[in-house]
Amino acid sequence: MKIANSLFSVFACVAIFGASTAFAVEEQAAAPMHHHEMPIEDNRISLGISPQMKLHQLASMREHLEAVQAIVGLILENKFDEASKIAHQKLGLTPEKKAMCMAMHNQKFTELGFAFHESGDKLGEVLQTGDAGESFKALHKTMQFCVQCHATYRQ
């Protein structure tokens, strides 16, 4: 349980950092200077999506973050079956998630999105084993795709 609590703390910090980074992008792009008076350049690849699609994508990313939070909590409560269902439904490669990735009309983004969602399904499979350590490893891998995507692309 001590390992699970430590891992929970690490994932909580990563999730908070990821959320604040993801949702502060517009604010940072508008600000010409960083708090250290260094110019900020956003060299990530623009997906060039409509304002309506931006809102839909942001809602989807928030859903992913909420799913990660729920999964971590359920692992800590030894509710692996519930966590597995969330992983498959909210992070897995559902037909809806597949369509959203393809709607971006960027092949590399689509491939990265598919890899993320496939890792969500793999996470769901690992969670079914009831092994907290392996489950956190699988969740870590899934979250690596989040970090890679946010580092590479912007709306």
C-alpha atoms as a PDB file:
ATOM      1  CA  MET A   1       0.000   0.000   0.000  1.00  0.00           C
ATOM      2  CA  LYS A   2       2.948   2.324   0.669  1.00  0.00           C
ATOM      3  CA  ILE A   3       4.011   1.962  -2.992  1.00  0.00           C
ATOM      4  CA  ALA A   4       0.473   2.675  -4.162  1.00  0.00           C
ATOM      5  CA  ASN A   5       0.304   5.852  -2.052  1.00  0.00           C
ATOM      6  CA  SER A   6       3.660   7.019  -3.402  1.00  0.00           C
ATOM      7  CA  LEU A   7       2.615   6.268  -6.968  1.00  0.00           C
ATOM      8  CA  PHE A   8      -0.674   8.049  -6.401  1.00  0.00           C
ATOM      9  CA  SER A   9       1.208  11.159  -5.286  1.00  0.00           C
ATOM     10  CA  VAL A  10       3.435  11.043  -8.348  1.00  0.00           C
ATOM     11  CA  PHE A  11       0.522  10.568 -10.735  1.00  0.00           C
ATOM     12  CA  ALA A  12      -1.471  13.297  -9.008  1.00  0.00           C
ATOM     13  CA  CYS A  13       1.404  15.736  -9.520  1.00  0.00           C
ATOM     14  CA  VAL A  14       1.801  14.675 -13.159  1.00  0.00           C
ATOM     15  CA  ALA A  15      -1.937  14.999 -13.766  1.00  0.00           C
ATOM     16  CA  ILE A  16      -2.095  18.449 -12.174  1.00  0.00           C
ATOM     17  CA  PHE A  17       0.930  19.606 -14.138  1.00  0.00           C
ATOM     18  CA  GLY A  18      -0.471  18.149 -17.366  1.00  0.00           C
ATOM     19  CA  ALA A  19      -3.855  19.758 -16.831  1.00  0.00           C
ATOM     20  CA  SER A  20      -2.421  23.157 -16.017  1.00  0.00           C
ATOM     21  CA  THR A  21      -0.151  22.942 -19.053  1.00  0.00           C
ATOM     22  CA  ALA A  22      -2.899  21.803 -21.399  1.00  0.00           C
ATOM     23  CA  PHE A  23      -5.401  24.417 -20.335  1.00  0.00           C
ATOM     24  CA  ALA A  24      -2.984  27.343 -20.056  1.00  0.00           C
ATOM     25  CA  VAL A  25      -1.706  27.112 -23.630  1.00  0.00           C
ATOM     26  CA  GLU A  26      -3.957  29.866 -24.966  1.00  0.00           C
ATOM     27  CA  GLU A  27      -3.049  32.161 -22.086  1.00  0.00           C
ATOM     28  CA  GLN A  28       0.671  31.548 -22.571  1.00  0.00           C
ATOM     29  CA  ALA A  29       0.478  32.048 -26.324  1.00  0.00           C
ATOM     30  CA  ALA A  30      -1.175  35.434 -25.772  1.00  0.00           C
ATOM     31  CA  ALA A  31       1.451  36.554 -23.244  1.00  0.00           C
ATOM     32  CA  PRO A  32       4.605  37.832 -24.947  1.00  0.00           C
ATOM     33  CA  MET A  33       6.930  37.186 -22.000  1.00  0.00           C
ATOM     34  CA  HIS A  34       7.404  34.407 -19.463  1.00  0.00           C
ATOM     35  CA  HIS A  35       7.645  35.291 -15.780  1.00  0.00           C
ATOM     36  CA  HIS A  36      11.467  35.164 -16.187  1.00  0.00           C
ATOM     37  CA  GLU A  37      11.242  37.742 -18.996  1.00  0.00           C
ATOM     38  CA  MET A  38      12.178  35.166 -21.621  1.00  0.00           C
ATOM     39  CA  PRO A  39      10.233  35.184 -24.896  1.00  0.00           C
ATOM     40  CA  ILE A  40       7.836  32.293 -25.332  1.00  0.00           C
ATOM     41  CA  GLU A  41       7.515  30.598 -28.682  1.00  0.00           C
ATOM     42  CA  ASP A  42       5.026  27.871 -29.294  1.00  0.00           C
ATOM     43  CA  ASN A  43       6.688  25.725 -31.947  1.00  0.00           C
ATOM     44  CA  ARG A  44       4.190  22.907 -31.677  1.00  0.00           C
ATOM     45  CA  ILE A  45       2.296  21.834 -34.777  1.00  0.00           C
ATOM     46  CA  SER A  46      -1.085  23.501 -35.167  1.00  0.00           C
ATOM     47  CA  LEU A  47      -3.972  21.186 -35.925  1.00  0.00           C
ATOM     48  CA  GLY A  48      -5.802  24.102 -37.523  1.00  0.00           C
ATOM     49  CA  ILE A  49      -9.186  23.091 -36.170  1.00  0.00           C
ATOM     50  CA  SER A  50     -12.378  25.125 -35.918  1.00  0.00           C
ATOM     51  CA  PRO A  51     -13.410  26.811 -32.652  1.00  0.00           C
ATOM     52  CA  GLN A  52     -16.219  24.259 -32.253  1.00  0.00           C
ATOM     53  CA  MET A  53     -13.796  21.364 -32.725  1.00  0.00           C
ATOM     54  CA  LYS A  54     -11.389  22.981 -30.231  1.00  0.00           C
ATOM     55  CA  LEU A  55     -14.108  22.929 -27.581  1.00  0.00           C
ATOM     56  CA  HIS A  56     -14.931  19.309 -28.390  1.00  0.00           C
ATOM     57  CA  GLN A  57     -11.259  18.333 -28.195  1.00  0.00           C
ATOM     58  CA  LEU A  58     -10.756  20.148 -24.886  1.00  0.00           C
ATOM     59  CA  ALA A  59     -13.804  18.351 -23.447  1.00  0.00           C
ATOM     60  CA  SER A  60     -12.327  15.046 -24.609  1.00  0.00           C
ATOM     61  CA  MET A  61      -8.959  15.780 -22.985  1.00  0.00           C
ATOM     62  CA  ARG A  62     -10.695  16.736 -19.744  1.00  0.00           C
ATOM     63  CA  GLU A  63     -12.588  13.435 -19.913  1.00  0.00           C
ATOM     64  CA  HIS A  64      -9.255  11.632 -20.289  1.00  0.00           C
ATOM     65  CA  LEU A  65      -7.859  13.439 -17.255  1.00  0.00           C
ATOM     66  CA  GLU A  66     -10.949  12.633 -15.186  1.00  0.00           C
ATOM     67  CA  ALA A  67     -10.629   8.991 -16.250  1.00  0.00           C
ATOM     68  CA  VAL A  68      -6.996   8.883 -15.116  1.00  0.00           C
ATOM     69  CA  GLN A  69      -7.976  10.374 -11.764  1.00  0.00           C
ATOM     70  CA  ALA A  70     -10.783   7.831 -11.346  1.00  0.00           C
ATOM     71  CA  ILE A  71      -8.521   4.935 -12.333  1.00  0.00           C
ATOM     72  CA  VAL A  72      -5.854   5.937  -9.807  1.00  0.00           C
ATOM     73  CA  GLY A  73      -8.466   6.172  -7.071  1.00  0.00           C
ATOM     74  CA  LEU A  74      -9.999   2.824  -7.992  1.00  0.00           C
ATOM     75  CA  ILE A  75      -6.592   1.122  -8.008  1.00  0.00           C
ATOM     76  CA  LEU A  76      -6.006   2.442  -4.503  1.00  0.00           C
ATOM     77  CA  GLU A  77      -9.380   0.995  -3.472  1.00  0.00           C
ATOM     78  CA  ASN A  78      -8.566  -2.362  -5.159  1.00  0.00           C
ATOM     79  CA  LYS A  79     -11.514  -1.911  -7.541  1.00  0.00           C
ATOM     80  CA  PHE A  80      -9.692  -3.129 -10.611  1.00  0.00           C
ATOM     81  CA  ASP A  81     -12.756  -4.248 -12.570  1.00  0.00           C
ATOM     82  CA  GLU A  82     -14.303  -0.776 -12.309  1.00  0.00           C
ATOM     83  CA  ALA A  83     -10.993   0.819 -13.263  1.00  0.00           C
ATOM     84  CA  SER A  84     -10.717  -1.494 -16.256  1.00  0.00           C
ATOM     85  CA  LYS A  85     -14.161  -0.482 -17.516  1.00  0.00           C
ATOM     86  CA  ILE A  86     -13.248   3.191 -17.283  1.00  0.00           C
ATOM     87  CA  ALA A  87      -9.970   2.595 -19.101  1.00  0.00           C
ATOM     88  CA  HIS A  88     -11.735   0.863 -21.984  1.00  0.00           C
ATOM     89  CA  GLN A  89     -14.688   3.270 -22.159  1.00  0.00           C
ATOM     90  CA  LYS A  90     -12.920   6.593 -21.618  1.00  0.00           C
ATOM     91  CA  LEU A  91      -9.352   5.972 -22.803  1.00  0.00           C
ATOM     92  CA  GLY A  92      -9.706   3.028 -25.167  1.00  0.00           C
ATOM     93  CA  LEU A  93     -10.028   3.110 -28.944  1.00  0.00           C
ATOM     94  CA  THR A  94     -13.803   3.325 -29.174  1.00  0.00           C
ATOM     95  CA  PRO A  95     -15.410   4.130 -32.538  1.00  0.00           C
ATOM     96  CA  GLU A  96     -16.036   7.676 -31.283  1.00  0.00           C
ATOM     97  CA  LYS A  97     -12.405   8.199 -30.265  1.00  0.00           C
ATOM     98  CA  LYS A  98     -11.236   6.760 -33.588  1.00  0.00           C
ATOM     99  CA  ALA A  99     -13.480   9.166 -35.505  1.00  0.00           C
ATOM    100  CA  MET A 100     -12.241  12.133 -33.471  1.00  0.00           C
ATOM    101  CA  CYS A 101      -8.591  11.306 -34.135  1.00  0.00           C
ATOM    102  CA  MET A 102      -9.274  10.958 -37.843  1.00  0.00           C
ATOM    103  CA  ALA A 103     -11.215  14.243 -37.939  1.00  0.00           C
ATOM    104  CA  MET A 104      -7.997  16.169 -37.324  1.00  0.00           C
ATOM    105  CA  HIS A 105      -6.739  15.407 -40.841  1.00  0.00           C
ATOM    106  CA  ASN A 106      -3.154  15.017 -39.689  1.00  0.00           C
ATOM    107  CA  GLN A 107      -1.752  11.522 -40.219  1.00  0.00           C
ATOM    108  CA  LYS A 108       0.897  11.690 -37.499  1.00  0.00           C
ATOM    109  CA  PHE A 109      -1.597  13.088 -34.980  1.00  0.00           C
ATOM    110  CA  THR A 110      -4.024  10.327 -35.898  1.00  0.00           C
ATOM    111  CA  GLU A 111      -1.325   7.678 -35.410  1.00  0.00           C
ATOM    112  CA  LEU A 112      -0.380   9.149 -32.030  1.00  0.00           C
ATOM    113  CA  GLY A 113      -4.037   9.330 -31.021  1.00  0.00           C
ATOM    114  CA  PHE A 114      -4.585   5.700 -32.001  1.00  0.00           C
ATOM    115  CA  ALA A 115      -1.470   4.667 -30.038  1.00  0.00           C
ATOM    116  CA  PHE A 116      -2.776   6.556 -26.985  1.00  0.00           C
ATOM    117  CA  HIS A 117      -6.216   4.956 -27.180  1.00  0.00           C
ATOM    118  CA  GLU A 118      -4.769   1.491 -27.841  1.00  0.00           C
ATOM    119  CA  SER A 119      -2.642   1.950 -24.709  1.00  0.00           C
ATOM    120  CA  GLY A 120      -5.870   2.783 -22.862  1.00  0.00           C
ATOM    121  CA  ASP A 121      -7.272  -0.585 -23.928  1.00  0.00           C
ATOM    122  CA  LYS A 122      -4.025  -2.281 -22.877  1.00  0.00           C
ATOM    123  CA  LEU A 123      -4.320  -0.498 -19.532  1.00  0.00           C
ATOM    124  CA  GLY A 124      -7.817  -1.924 -19.194  1.00  0.00           C
ATOM    125  CA  GLU A 125      -6.452  -5.423 -19.796  1.00  0.00           C
ATOM    126  CA  VAL A 126      -3.663  -4.985 -17.243  1.00  0.00           C
ATOM    127  CA  LEU A 127      -6.101  -3.628 -14.670  1.00  0.00           C
ATOM    128  CA  GLN A 128      -8.082  -6.859 -14.930  1.00  0.00           C
ATOM    129  CA  THR A 129      -5.094  -8.716 -13.475  1.00  0.00           C
ATOM    130  CA  GLY A 130      -5.511  -6.856 -10.171  1.00  0.00           C
ATOM    131  CA  ASP A 131      -1.800  -6.052 -10.003  1.00  0.00           C
ATOM    132  CA  ALA A 132      -1.396  -2.458  -8.804  1.00  0.00           C
ATOM    133  CA  GLY A 133       2.266  -2.163  -9.778  1.00  0.00           C
ATOM    134  CA  GLU A 134       1.693  -3.392 -13.327  1.00  0.00           C
ATOM    135  CA  SER A 135      -1.428  -1.245 -13.566  1.00  0.00           C
ATOM    136  CA  PHE A 136       0.529   1.882 -12.638  1.00  0.00           C
ATOM    137  CA  LYS A 137       3.190   0.946 -15.209  1.00  0.00           C
ATOM    138  CA  ALA A 138       0.505   0.648 -17.891  1.00  0.00           C
ATOM    139  CA  LEU A 139      -1.046   3.949 -16.807  1.00  0.00           C
ATOM    140  CA  HIS A 140       2.385   5.562 -16.951  1.00  0.00           C
ATOM    141  CA  LYS A 141       2.773   4.396 -20.547  1.00  0.00           C
ATOM    142  CA  THR A 142      -0.665   5.759 -21.448  1.00  0.00           C
ATOM    143  CA  MET A 143       0.189   9.112 -19.911  1.00  0.00           C
ATOM    144  CA  GLN A 144       3.444   9.242 -21.878  1.00  0.00           C
ATOM    145  CA  PHE A 145       1.302   9.520 -25.005  1.00  0.00           C
ATOM    146  CA  CYS A 146      -0.514  12.487 -23.409  1.00  0.00           C
ATOM    147  CA  VAL A 147       2.783  14.236 -22.743  1.00  0.00           C
ATOM    148  CA  GLN A 148       4.098  13.475 -26.234  1.00  0.00           C
ATOM    149  CA  CYS A 149       0.931  14.760 -27.883  1.00  0.00           C
ATOM    150  CA  HIS A 150       0.808  17.981 -25.857  1.00  0.00           C
ATOM    151  CA  ALA A 151       4.500  18.583 -26.551  1.00  0.00           C
ATOM    152  CA  THR A 152       4.015  18.102 -30.307  1.00  0.00           C
ATOM    153  CA  TYR A 153       0.602  19.561 -31.156  1.00  0.00           C
ATOM    154  CA  ARG A 154      -1.542  22.557 -30.354  1.00  0.00           C
ATOM    155  CA  GLN A 155      -5.024  23.402 -31.414  1.00  0.00           C
END
